[in-house]
Amino acid sequence: MAKKLKNQFKSIISSFKNEILSIVQSKADNGAKKITITIANDLAYPKNMPALKKKMGDKSSILYLSDIWQAFFNNKFQIIEDLVASEIVYDAGFIPVIKNCLKLRIGVQERLQNYLISMVLFGSWARGRAVKESDIDIAFVIDDTDVQKKTRLEIKDKLMKVITGISAEISKDFNVQVYLLTQFWEWVRDANPVIFTMLRDGVPVYDRGLFSPWKLLLKMGKIKPTPEAIESFMSSGKLLLGVVDNTMSDLIVEKLYYAMLNPAQSALMFVGVAPPVYTETPILLRRYFVKKKLLDAKYAKWLEDIIKIRKRVEHNSQKVTGKMLDIQIKRAKEFSMVLLTMFEKLKHESIGEKIKEIDFIFRKGMQDVLKSIGVKSTKERLVSKFLSEVKDRELMPASYSHVVQYVNTLKDDYKRGLVTQDDVNKLEKEAHDFIETVINIVKAREQKGTDKFKVKFKYDDKTGEVWFLGKTAYIIKDLSDPSAGVLKAKIKKDGALGKTMEASLKHLDKKRENVSMEGEATVKEKTISSLKKIFGTKVEIVLSD
């Protein structure tokens, strides 16, 4: 019966060989009569669907590939199972792929049970671009959030062996990828290009509510890229060019499109522009690079051209000729090379600016330390003077000597192209630590120098302290009890203290940092009399610690 039907559809299959994925006979709902269903590839050939439907007439119902994928998204597996159980009249390899995917889902579910979160069909079969010999690309996302006894690498290796073992028993065409949930989440967050592609094109053969929401978030543009993702987008253009020459013409246009779009978007992201939609990318190239004379205007026009060509080819309003293909390949290669060169230049300039900032931080820190110990130095001898003084006085950890020496040679290394972004990132942290150390050294030395302005006194069973800072005296009531408080009073010309007011240790420390280092504490008879009025007649001045 199937052979007879195939002969009836022979001419249609010949005319629509790419568009028809399969023709099957399935029982109607009442089970009395079989109906013929043609599975049509509307994803790859949307413009040819009306002609196919017209040619079929009432000979067969049309079921689109996009509808089958939607059934997977909606968890309507009964429709899929009925379809693969039907009698095959003609098939281009599609039905066995779906049947094997369902078998694999059941096998993995039985083995992993609640640990399986998602099973996704991606790659050429998901995009409707496969041929009969294409691999079946399948990705599994496994819950590893409660892993305790084993490392995640051990868990992944073990799961990979289990799943590939199950898949090998079903079909040799499976190309299996296993992702742990924590790893998959990191790659989604970092906008990993492989995961981006999977989210964009993938079909959930099984999903517990993870894959579909993330796919929607990607469409909404809610998944933002990191610096690592920017680098990946830049490199992907070069990688994609490597496969251009051996791909079908419609796929070549697709690859050339992304080979130009991805580097353009990565360059824009590098200068702080959110990942733009493809239609806006040429406009933004002109605004941020052409206008600033960083990029020739023709490259923005070339990107605009490939976007238009792709759209026309996608809608079958333009065919790709050999001449057009040659032009676009040459343009894409030049575009990729120019964008990569500009990108590296931008990175180089960014590193240069960072080096200037770090160099300034270190030089300012060295000057402050030398100033705090009363040592003068010229700009030319700053580093050598700092290193010798720090070493002799043991002011800082020895490790900073190596860091300071490296910073001093950093500019020359930068000119020779020997400084990477990682070097700068590491040095930024060192600069932060260096400044903290410098601040502590300077503050400690400044405050130590102010010790000459303090005088201790005793009263009852307590010890207090008076700081004579400029025209103001700060009185710490009890050195053993910070909660006792601090007073301040104006110092009169005869040494007497004026009316006291409440102050604080914080206020005192701030005053010590800004006080002039000239002079020293002078305790006059009127000063002692003032202290006795505040603390009683038993006040005694302590002449030494």
Protein backbone atom coordinates (compact mmCIF):
# COMPACT_ATOMS: atom_id res chain seq x y z
CA MET A 1 0.00 0.00 0.00
CA ALA A 2 2.80 2.40 1.00
CA LYS A 3 4.70 1.61 -2.20
CA LYS A 4 1.60 2.30 -4.28
CA LEU A 5 1.08 5.64 -2.52
CA LYS A 6 4.70 6.58 -3.02
CA ASN A 7 4.29 6.13 -6.77
CA GLN A 8 1.31 8.50 -6.63
CA PHE A 9 3.46 11.15 -4.95
CA LYS A 10 6.56 10.46 -7.05
CA SER A 11 6.36 13.58 -9.23
CA ILE A 12 5.56 15.84 -6.26
CA ILE A 13 8.46 14.42 -4.25
CA SER A 14 10.75 15.00 -7.23
CA SER A 15 9.63 18.63 -7.52
CA PHE A 16 9.78 19.34 -3.79
CA LYS A 17 12.61 17.08 -2.67
CA ASN A 18 14.03 19.63 -0.21
CA GLU A 19 10.68 20.81 1.09
CA ILE A 20 9.15 17.37 1.90
CA LEU A 21 10.64 15.75 4.99
CA SER A 22 8.25 12.82 5.16
CA ILE A 23 4.91 11.44 3.98
CA VAL A 24 3.08 9.10 6.37
CA GLN A 25 -0.27 7.35 6.66
CA SER A 26 -2.00 7.69 9.99
CA LYS A 27 -5.34 6.47 11.30
CA ALA A 28 -8.10 9.06 11.64
CA ASP A 29 -9.61 9.78 15.05
CA ASN A 30 -12.40 7.24 14.51
CA GLY A 31 -9.88 4.65 13.36
CA ALA A 32 -11.97 3.76 10.32
CA LYS A 33 -9.92 5.43 7.63
CA LYS A 34 -6.27 6.27 7.15
CA ILE A 35 -5.23 9.80 6.34
CA THR A 36 -2.09 10.88 4.52
CA ILE A 37 0.11 13.53 6.12
CA THR A 38 2.98 15.37 4.45
CA ILE A 39 5.56 16.87 6.81
CA ALA A 40 6.81 20.05 5.15
CA ASN A 41 9.98 22.00 5.95
CA ASP A 42 8.63 25.52 6.38
CA LEU A 43 11.65 26.61 8.43
CA ALA A 44 14.12 26.37 5.57
CA TYR A 45 11.75 26.94 2.64
CA PRO A 46 8.85 29.12 3.84
CA LYS A 47 8.22 30.70 0.43
CA ASN A 48 7.73 27.32 -1.25
CA MET A 49 4.96 26.16 1.08
CA PRO A 50 2.00 27.66 -0.86
CA ALA A 51 3.16 25.94 -4.06
CA LEU A 52 3.56 22.60 -2.26
CA LYS A 53 0.14 22.87 -0.65
CA LYS A 54 -1.45 23.69 -4.00
CA LYS A 55 0.32 20.76 -5.69
CA MET A 56 -0.84 18.35 -2.99
CA GLY A 57 -4.44 19.48 -3.20
CA ASP A 58 -6.65 16.98 -1.40
CA LYS A 59 -4.15 14.13 -1.79
CA SER A 60 -2.56 14.86 1.58
CA SER A 61 -2.80 17.06 4.66
CA ILE A 62 0.18 19.33 5.29
CA LEU A 63 1.89 19.34 8.71
CA TYR A 64 4.62 21.97 9.03
CA LEU A 65 7.93 21.34 10.79
CA SER A 66 7.39 24.45 12.91
CA ASP A 67 4.11 22.96 14.20
CA ILE A 68 5.90 19.75 15.21
CA TRP A 69 8.53 21.74 17.11
CA GLN A 70 5.74 23.74 18.77
CA ALA A 71 4.16 20.47 19.91
CA PHE A 72 7.42 19.69 21.71
CA PHE A 73 7.37 23.13 23.34
CA ASN A 74 3.76 22.55 24.46
CA ASN A 75 4.53 19.02 25.77
CA LYS A 76 1.99 17.48 23.36
CA PHE A 77 3.94 14.26 23.01
CA GLN A 78 0.92 12.17 22.03
CA ILE A 79 0.78 13.97 18.69
CA ILE A 80 4.47 13.22 18.11
CA GLU A 81 4.14 9.59 19.19
CA ASP A 82 1.14 9.05 16.88
CA LEU A 83 3.13 10.58 14.04
CA VAL A 84 6.18 8.33 14.41
CA ALA A 85 3.92 5.29 14.80
CA SER A 86 2.36 5.97 11.39
CA GLU A 87 3.13 3.99 8.25
CA ILE A 88 5.92 5.65 6.27
CA VAL A 89 5.20 6.34 2.60
CA TYR A 90 8.29 8.47 1.98
CA ASP A 91 10.94 9.77 4.35
CA ALA A 92 14.09 11.90 4.02
CA GLY A 93 15.42 10.68 7.37
CA PHE A 94 13.11 12.78 9.55
CA ILE A 95 10.85 10.16 11.20
CA PRO A 96 13.74 7.94 12.42
CA VAL A 97 15.38 11.02 13.98
CA ILE A 98 12.24 11.89 15.95
CA LYS A 99 11.65 8.26 16.90
CA ASN A 100 15.23 7.87 18.14
CA CYS A 101 15.01 11.13 20.11
CA LEU A 102 11.90 9.87 21.92
CA LYS A 103 13.62 6.56 22.68
CA LEU A 104 16.66 8.38 24.03
CA ARG A 105 14.48 10.62 26.20
CA ILE A 106 12.77 7.59 27.77
CA GLY A 107 16.09 5.78 28.30
CA VAL A 108 17.78 8.74 29.98
CA GLN A 109 14.70 9.55 32.07
CA GLU A 110 14.58 5.99 33.40
CA ARG A 111 18.29 6.08 34.30
CA LEU A 112 18.63 9.62 35.68
CA GLN A 113 15.07 10.15 36.92
CA ASN A 114 14.70 13.57 38.63
CA TYR A 115 18.22 14.73 37.73
CA LEU A 116 17.29 15.31 34.07
CA ILE A 117 16.19 18.94 33.58
CA SER A 118 16.23 19.38 29.80
CA MET A 119 16.94 17.40 26.65
CA VAL A 120 17.33 19.63 23.60
CA LEU A 121 17.55 18.84 19.89
CA PHE A 122 19.69 21.48 18.19
CA GLY A 123 21.87 21.91 15.13
CA SER A 124 20.88 21.27 11.51
CA TRP A 125 17.87 19.03 12.30
CA ALA A 126 16.36 21.67 14.58
CA ARG A 127 16.89 24.39 11.96
CA GLY A 128 15.45 22.31 9.13
CA ARG A 129 18.79 22.33 7.33
CA ALA A 130 19.79 18.70 7.76
CA VAL A 131 20.41 16.05 5.15
CA LYS A 132 19.81 12.36 5.69
CA GLU A 133 23.42 11.80 6.79
CA SER A 134 23.50 14.68 9.31
CA ASP A 135 24.35 14.01 12.95
CA ILE A 136 21.59 14.29 15.53
CA ASP A 137 22.84 16.97 17.93
CA ILE A 138 21.38 16.47 21.40
CA ALA A 139 22.17 18.41 24.59
CA PHE A 140 21.28 17.32 28.12
CA VAL A 141 21.11 19.67 31.12
CA ILE A 142 21.53 17.80 34.41
CA ASP A 143 20.80 19.08 37.93
CA ASP A 144 24.06 19.08 39.92
CA THR A 145 23.02 21.51 42.66
CA ASP A 146 23.01 18.84 45.39
CA VAL A 147 26.36 17.26 44.45
CA GLN A 148 28.48 16.83 47.58
CA LYS A 149 30.72 13.76 47.49
CA LYS A 150 32.15 14.15 43.97
CA THR A 151 33.59 17.00 41.97
CA ARG A 152 31.47 18.39 39.17
CA LEU A 153 34.04 17.21 36.63
CA GLU A 154 33.71 13.64 37.93
CA ILE A 155 29.92 13.89 37.82
CA LYS A 156 29.98 15.21 34.25
CA ASP A 157 32.34 12.46 33.04
CA LYS A 158 30.18 9.79 34.64
CA LEU A 159 26.95 11.21 33.19
CA MET A 160 28.56 11.52 29.75
CA LYS A 161 29.46 7.82 29.80
CA VAL A 162 25.96 6.84 30.92
CA ILE A 163 24.15 8.94 28.31
CA THR A 164 26.47 8.11 25.40
CA GLY A 165 26.09 4.45 26.32
CA ILE A 166 22.30 4.73 26.08
CA SER A 167 22.46 6.76 22.84
CA ALA A 168 24.90 4.32 21.18
CA GLU A 169 22.41 1.48 21.67
CA ILE A 170 19.73 3.51 19.86
CA SER A 171 21.66 5.18 17.00
CA LYS A 172 25.26 5.87 15.97
CA ASP A 173 24.17 9.25 14.59
CA PHE A 174 23.72 10.89 17.99
CA ASN A 175 26.18 13.64 18.86
CA VAL A 176 25.62 14.06 22.60
CA GLN A 177 26.55 17.06 24.75
CA VAL A 178 26.11 17.01 28.55
CA TYR A 179 25.88 20.22 30.58
CA LEU A 180 25.61 20.52 34.35
CA LEU A 181 23.01 23.04 35.48
CA THR A 182 25.57 25.22 37.27
CA GLN A 183 27.84 25.20 34.21
CA PHE A 184 24.96 25.83 31.80
CA TRP A 185 23.76 28.77 33.90
CA GLU A 186 27.24 30.32 33.88
CA TRP A 187 27.41 30.01 30.09
CA VAL A 188 23.95 31.53 29.69
CA ARG A 189 24.99 34.39 31.98
CA ASP A 190 28.25 34.88 30.05
CA ALA A 191 26.44 34.82 26.69
CA ASN A 192 28.50 31.87 25.43
CA PRO A 193 28.02 31.69 21.62
CA VAL A 194 27.46 27.89 21.65
CA ILE A 195 24.72 28.21 24.26
CA PHE A 196 23.28 31.22 22.43
CA THR A 197 22.94 29.08 19.29
CA MET A 198 21.36 26.24 21.23
CA LEU A 199 18.83 28.56 22.89
CA ARG A 200 18.04 30.25 19.59
CA ASP A 201 17.56 27.12 17.45
CA GLY A 202 16.97 24.29 19.95
CA VAL A 203 13.81 22.22 20.42
CA PRO A 204 13.03 20.80 23.89
CA VAL A 205 12.43 17.06 23.55
CA TYR A 206 12.08 17.15 27.34
CA ASP A 207 12.00 20.19 29.60
CA ARG A 208 11.16 20.88 33.24
CA GLY A 209 10.63 24.59 32.73
CA LEU A 210 14.25 25.66 32.23
CA PHE A 211 15.00 25.77 28.50
CA SER A 212 11.81 27.48 27.27
CA PRO A 213 12.01 30.51 29.64
CA TRP A 214 15.68 31.06 28.77
CA LYS A 215 14.88 30.84 25.06
CA LEU A 216 12.24 33.53 25.61
CA LEU A 217 14.68 35.69 27.60
CA LEU A 218 17.17 35.44 24.73
CA LYS A 219 14.53 36.59 22.24
CA MET A 220 13.70 39.50 24.56
CA GLY A 221 17.38 40.49 24.72
CA LYS A 222 17.55 40.01 28.47
CA ILE A 223 20.72 37.88 28.45
CA LYS A 224 23.63 40.35 28.53
CA PRO A 225 27.22 39.59 27.45
CA THR A 226 30.39 39.71 29.56
CA PRO A 227 33.92 40.63 28.39
CA GLU A 228 34.52 36.92 27.74
CA ALA A 229 31.42 36.80 25.53
CA ILE A 230 32.64 39.86 23.64
CA GLU A 231 35.93 38.08 22.89
CA SER A 232 34.02 34.98 21.77
CA PHE A 233 31.88 37.00 19.37
CA MET A 234 34.99 38.58 17.89
CA SER A 235 36.73 35.25 17.35
CA SER A 236 33.60 33.59 15.97
CA GLY A 237 33.76 35.69 12.81
CA LYS A 238 37.17 34.24 11.92
CA LEU A 239 36.08 30.71 12.81
CA LEU A 240 32.95 30.91 10.69
CA LEU A 241 34.93 32.07 7.66
CA GLY A 242 36.85 28.78 7.75
CA VAL A 243 33.80 26.75 6.71
CA VAL A 244 32.41 29.14 4.10
CA ASP A 245 33.91 27.56 0.97
CA ASN A 246 32.39 24.11 1.58
CA THR A 247 28.83 25.06 2.51
CA MET A 248 25.68 25.25 0.40
CA SER A 249 24.99 28.69 -1.03
CA ASP A 250 22.11 29.55 1.28
CA LEU A 251 24.14 28.49 4.33
CA ILE A 252 27.14 30.46 3.07
CA VAL A 253 25.09 33.63 3.04
CA GLU A 254 24.03 32.83 6.61
CA LYS A 255 27.65 32.27 7.70
CA LEU A 256 28.91 35.39 5.95
CA TYR A 257 26.15 37.38 7.61
CA TYR A 258 27.23 36.32 11.10
CA ALA A 259 30.93 36.50 10.19
CA MET A 260 30.39 40.23 9.64
CA LEU A 261 27.68 40.91 12.21
CA ASN A 262 29.36 39.26 15.22
CA PRO A 263 32.66 41.22 15.05
CA ALA A 264 30.70 44.44 14.49
CA GLN A 265 28.53 43.79 17.54
CA SER A 266 31.51 42.79 19.68
CA ALA A 267 33.33 46.03 18.81
CA LEU A 268 30.23 48.02 19.77
CA MET A 269 29.87 46.08 23.02
CA PHE A 270 33.51 46.81 23.83
CA VAL A 271 32.84 50.57 23.74
CA GLY A 272 29.83 50.16 26.04
CA VAL A 273 26.94 49.76 23.60
CA ALA A 274 24.35 47.13 24.57
CA PRO A 275 24.14 44.24 22.03
CA PRO A 276 22.23 45.88 19.18
CA VAL A 277 19.70 44.26 16.85
CA TYR A 278 21.14 43.49 13.43
CA THR A 279 19.25 46.29 11.65
CA GLU A 280 20.74 48.95 13.94
CA THR A 281 24.32 47.65 13.84
CA PRO A 282 25.42 49.53 10.64
CA ILE A 283 23.93 52.75 12.04
CA LEU A 284 25.84 52.33 15.30
CA LEU A 285 29.07 51.52 13.41
CA ARG A 286 28.77 54.87 11.68
CA ARG A 287 28.02 56.69 14.95
CA TYR A 288 30.78 55.20 17.10
CA PHE A 289 33.55 54.35 14.61
CA VAL A 290 33.08 55.95 11.17
CA LYS A 291 32.28 59.36 12.66
CA LYS A 292 35.44 59.16 14.81
CA LYS A 293 37.48 58.08 11.75
CA LEU A 294 38.28 54.70 13.29
CA LEU A 295 36.54 52.84 10.46
CA ASP A 296 36.01 53.53 6.77
CA ALA A 297 32.37 54.23 5.88
CA LYS A 298 32.36 51.45 3.26
CA TYR A 299 32.45 48.75 5.95
CA ALA A 300 29.20 49.95 7.51
CA LYS A 301 27.71 49.91 3.99
CA TRP A 302 29.01 46.36 3.39
CA LEU A 303 27.33 45.14 6.57
CA GLU A 304 24.13 46.85 5.49
CA ASP A 305 24.36 45.08 2.10
CA ILE A 306 24.83 41.58 3.56
CA ILE A 307 21.86 42.13 5.89
CA LYS A 308 19.67 43.04 2.90
CA ILE A 309 20.98 40.14 0.79
CA ARG A 310 20.34 37.65 3.60
CA LYS A 311 16.79 38.91 4.01
CA ARG A 312 16.09 38.70 0.25
CA VAL A 313 17.57 35.19 0.00
CA GLU A 314 15.60 34.13 3.06
CA HIS A 315 12.39 35.23 1.34
CA ASN A 316 13.44 33.74 -2.02
CA SER A 317 13.32 37.13 -3.72
CA GLN A 318 16.98 36.84 -4.75
CA LYS A 319 19.19 33.94 -5.79
CA VAL A 320 22.83 33.72 -4.86
CA THR A 321 25.07 33.85 -7.93
CA GLY A 322 28.70 32.81 -8.06
CA LYS A 323 29.78 36.37 -8.75
CA MET A 324 27.77 37.72 -5.82
CA LEU A 325 29.17 35.00 -3.58
CA ASP A 326 32.75 35.82 -4.55
CA ILE A 327 32.18 39.50 -3.79
CA GLN A 328 30.58 38.80 -0.41
CA ILE A 329 33.28 36.31 0.63
CA LYS A 330 36.02 38.83 -0.20
CA ARG A 331 34.11 41.56 1.64
CA ALA A 332 33.53 39.37 4.70
CA LYS A 333 37.21 38.44 4.93
CA GLU A 334 38.32 42.05 4.60
CA PHE A 335 35.57 43.21 6.98
CA SER A 336 36.55 40.62 9.59
CA MET A 337 40.24 41.52 9.31
CA VAL A 338 39.60 45.28 9.55
CA LEU A 339 37.19 44.91 12.49
CA LEU A 340 39.62 42.63 14.29
CA THR A 341 42.44 45.14 13.74
CA MET A 342 40.25 47.98 15.03
CA PHE A 343 39.13 45.87 17.98
CA GLU A 344 42.74 45.09 18.93
CA LYS A 345 43.61 48.78 18.58
CA LEU A 346 40.75 49.73 20.90
CA LYS A 347 41.89 47.11 23.40
CA HIS A 348 45.48 48.36 23.14
CA GLU A 349 44.39 51.95 23.77
CA SER A 350 42.23 50.84 26.70
CA ILE A 351 45.20 49.01 28.22
CA GLY A 352 47.34 52.12 27.67
CA GLU A 353 44.86 54.30 29.58
CA LYS A 354 44.78 51.80 32.44
CA ILE A 355 48.58 51.75 32.57
CA LYS A 356 48.64 55.55 32.85
CA GLU A 357 46.16 55.39 35.74
CA ILE A 358 48.12 52.66 37.53
CA ASP A 359 51.44 54.47 36.97
CA PHE A 360 49.94 57.65 38.44
CA ILE A 361 48.60 55.74 41.47
CA PHE A 362 51.98 54.18 42.22
CA ARG A 363 53.96 57.40 41.70
CA LYS A 364 51.57 59.40 43.88
CA GLY A 365 51.82 56.71 46.57
CA MET A 366 55.63 56.70 46.45
CA GLN A 367 55.73 60.50 46.70
CA ASP A 368 53.39 60.46 49.71
CA VAL A 369 55.49 57.85 51.54
CA LEU A 370 58.75 59.74 50.90
CA LYS A 371 57.14 63.00 51.99
CA SER A 372 55.91 61.40 55.23
CA ILE A 373 59.48 60.41 56.16
CA GLY A 374 60.94 63.77 55.15
CA VAL A 375 62.77 62.59 52.02
CA LYS A 376 62.79 64.64 48.82
CA SER A 377 63.23 63.15 45.35
CA THR A 378 63.20 64.20 41.72
CA LYS A 379 60.79 62.69 39.22
CA GLU A 380 63.62 60.77 37.56
CA ARG A 381 64.94 59.26 40.82
CA LEU A 382 61.55 58.68 42.46
CA VAL A 383 61.45 54.89 42.03
CA SER A 384 65.07 54.19 43.02
CA LYS A 385 64.81 56.56 46.00
CA PHE A 386 61.56 54.99 47.13
CA LEU A 387 62.90 51.45 46.88
CA SER A 388 66.08 52.25 48.81
CA GLU A 389 64.27 54.15 51.58
CA VAL A 390 61.54 51.53 51.95
CA LYS A 391 64.15 48.77 52.15
CA ASP A 392 66.35 50.61 54.66
CA ARG A 393 63.46 51.61 56.93
CA GLU A 394 61.41 48.41 56.40
CA LEU A 395 58.27 50.48 55.84
CA MET A 396 56.47 48.09 53.47
CA PRO A 397 56.38 44.36 52.64
CA ALA A 398 59.29 43.30 50.40
CA SER A 399 56.85 42.03 47.75
CA TYR A 400 55.96 45.61 46.81
CA SER A 401 59.51 46.23 45.57
CA HIS A 402 58.94 43.82 42.68
CA VAL A 403 55.55 45.36 41.89
CA VAL A 404 56.92 48.90 41.86
CA GLN A 405 59.81 47.86 39.61
CA TYR A 406 57.38 46.17 37.21
CA VAL A 407 55.13 49.25 37.06
CA ASN A 408 58.19 51.35 36.27
CA THR A 409 58.92 49.24 33.18
CA LEU A 410 55.28 48.78 32.20
CA LYS A 411 55.17 51.65 29.72
CA ASP A 412 58.06 50.23 27.70
CA ASP A 413 56.48 46.77 27.78
CA TYR A 414 53.21 48.28 26.55
CA LYS A 415 54.93 49.92 23.59
CA ARG A 416 56.40 46.54 22.66
CA GLY A 417 52.97 44.90 22.93
CA LEU A 418 53.94 42.74 25.91
CA VAL A 419 51.12 43.80 28.27
CA THR A 420 47.81 41.92 28.19
CA GLN A 421 44.43 42.76 29.69
CA ASP A 422 45.01 40.05 32.31
CA ASP A 423 48.27 41.75 33.33
CA VAL A 424 46.45 45.05 33.77
CA ASN A 425 43.59 43.48 35.75
CA LYS A 426 46.06 41.82 38.11
CA LEU A 427 48.05 45.02 38.47
CA GLU A 428 44.91 47.03 39.26
CA LYS A 429 44.39 44.85 42.32
CA GLU A 430 48.04 45.31 43.29
CA ALA A 431 47.61 49.08 42.91
CA HIS A 432 44.57 49.02 45.19
CA ASP A 433 46.49 47.07 47.86
CA PHE A 434 49.52 49.36 47.44
CA ILE A 435 47.46 52.51 48.03
CA GLU A 436 45.87 51.03 51.15
CA THR A 437 49.34 50.28 52.51
CA VAL A 438 50.58 53.77 51.62
CA ILE A 439 47.61 55.41 53.34
CA ASN A 440 48.24 53.39 56.49
CA ILE A 441 51.97 54.25 56.48
CA VAL A 442 51.41 57.97 55.91
CA LYS A 443 48.62 58.16 58.46
CA ALA A 444 50.63 56.27 61.07
CA ARG A 445 53.69 58.47 60.59
CA GLU A 446 51.66 61.66 60.61
CA GLN A 447 49.90 60.66 63.80
CA LYS A 448 53.15 59.50 65.38
CA GLY A 449 54.60 62.92 64.69
CA THR A 450 51.77 64.55 66.60
CA ASP A 451 52.62 62.69 69.83
CA LYS A 452 54.61 65.72 70.97
CA PHE A 453 51.33 67.63 71.29
CA LYS A 454 49.87 65.35 73.98
CA VAL A 455 50.20 65.39 77.77
CA LYS A 456 48.92 62.71 80.15
CA PHE A 457 47.40 63.47 83.51
CA LYS A 458 46.05 61.45 86.45
CA TYR A 459 43.08 62.10 88.68
CA ASP A 460 41.47 59.81 91.22
CA ASP A 461 42.30 56.31 89.87
CA LYS A 462 42.07 57.29 86.19
CA THR A 463 44.47 58.46 83.48
CA GLY A 464 43.45 61.09 80.96
CA GLU A 465 45.16 62.80 78.03
CA VAL A 466 45.23 66.35 76.67
CA TRP A 467 46.08 67.10 73.03
CA PHE A 468 47.16 70.67 72.29
CA LEU A 469 46.34 71.03 68.59
CA GLY A 470 46.65 74.59 67.40
CA LYS A 471 44.33 76.79 69.46
CA THR A 472 42.16 73.89 70.62
CA ALA A 473 42.72 71.36 73.38
CA TYR A 474 41.14 67.89 73.16
CA ILE A 475 40.75 66.09 76.49
CA ILE A 476 40.32 62.31 76.66
CA LYS A 477 38.66 61.73 80.02
CA ASP A 478 39.76 58.13 80.60
CA LEU A 479 42.25 56.23 78.39
CA SER A 480 41.01 52.88 79.73
CA ASP A 481 37.37 53.63 78.89
CA PRO A 482 36.67 55.09 75.42
CA SER A 483 32.99 55.50 76.32
CA ALA A 484 33.93 58.09 78.96
CA GLY A 485 34.04 60.62 76.14
CA VAL A 486 36.17 63.46 74.80
CA LEU A 487 35.99 67.19 75.55
CA LYS A 488 37.37 70.13 73.60
CA ALA A 489 38.11 73.68 74.67
CA LYS A 490 39.77 76.81 73.31
CA ILE A 491 43.31 77.48 74.60
CA LYS A 492 43.68 81.00 75.92
CA LYS A 493 46.91 83.01 75.65
CA ASP A 494 47.76 82.39 79.32
CA GLY A 495 47.29 78.61 78.88
CA ALA A 496 43.90 78.45 80.55
CA LEU A 497 41.19 76.37 78.90
CA GLY A 498 37.92 77.95 77.86
CA LYS A 499 34.43 76.50 78.10
CA THR A 500 34.44 72.74 77.39
CA MET A 501 32.26 71.09 74.74
CA GLU A 502 31.60 67.47 73.82
CA ALA A 503 33.83 66.04 71.04
CA SER A 504 34.84 62.56 69.83
CA LEU A 505 37.90 60.40 69.14
CA LYS A 506 37.06 60.50 65.42
CA HIS A 507 37.10 64.30 65.50
CA LEU A 508 40.43 64.21 67.35
CA ASP A 509 42.02 61.83 64.79
CA LYS A 510 40.89 64.04 61.92
CA LYS A 511 42.37 67.10 63.63
CA ARG A 512 45.69 65.26 64.16
CA GLU A 513 45.93 64.51 60.42
CA ASN A 514 45.69 68.21 59.49
CA VAL A 515 47.60 69.87 62.33
CA SER A 516 50.81 71.82 61.66
CA MET A 517 53.88 69.93 62.91
CA GLU A 518 55.55 73.11 64.24
CA GLY A 519 55.94 73.64 68.00
CA GLU A 520 55.03 71.26 70.82
CA ALA A 521 52.73 70.95 73.84
CA THR A 522 53.27 73.59 76.55
CA VAL A 523 51.61 73.07 79.94
CA LYS A 524 51.22 76.28 81.92
CA GLU A 525 50.01 76.82 85.45
CA LYS A 526 46.67 78.09 84.17
CA THR A 527 46.33 74.87 82.13
CA ILE A 528 46.69 72.73 85.26
CA SER A 529 44.23 74.97 87.10
CA SER A 530 41.69 74.48 84.29
CA LEU A 531 42.09 70.69 84.46
CA LYS A 532 41.56 70.78 88.24
CA LYS A 533 38.32 72.70 87.74
CA ILE A 534 37.14 69.93 85.39
CA PHE A 535 38.45 66.81 87.18
CA GLY A 536 39.06 67.91 90.79
CA THR A 537 42.02 69.13 92.79
CA LYS A 538 43.90 65.81 92.66
CA VAL A 539 45.00 66.26 89.02
CA GLU A 540 48.67 65.39 88.44
CA ILE A 541 50.66 65.81 85.21
CA VAL A 542 52.48 62.64 84.03
CA LEU A 543 55.89 63.65 82.74
CA SER A 544 56.69 60.33 80.99
CA ASP A 545 55.00 57.12 79.81
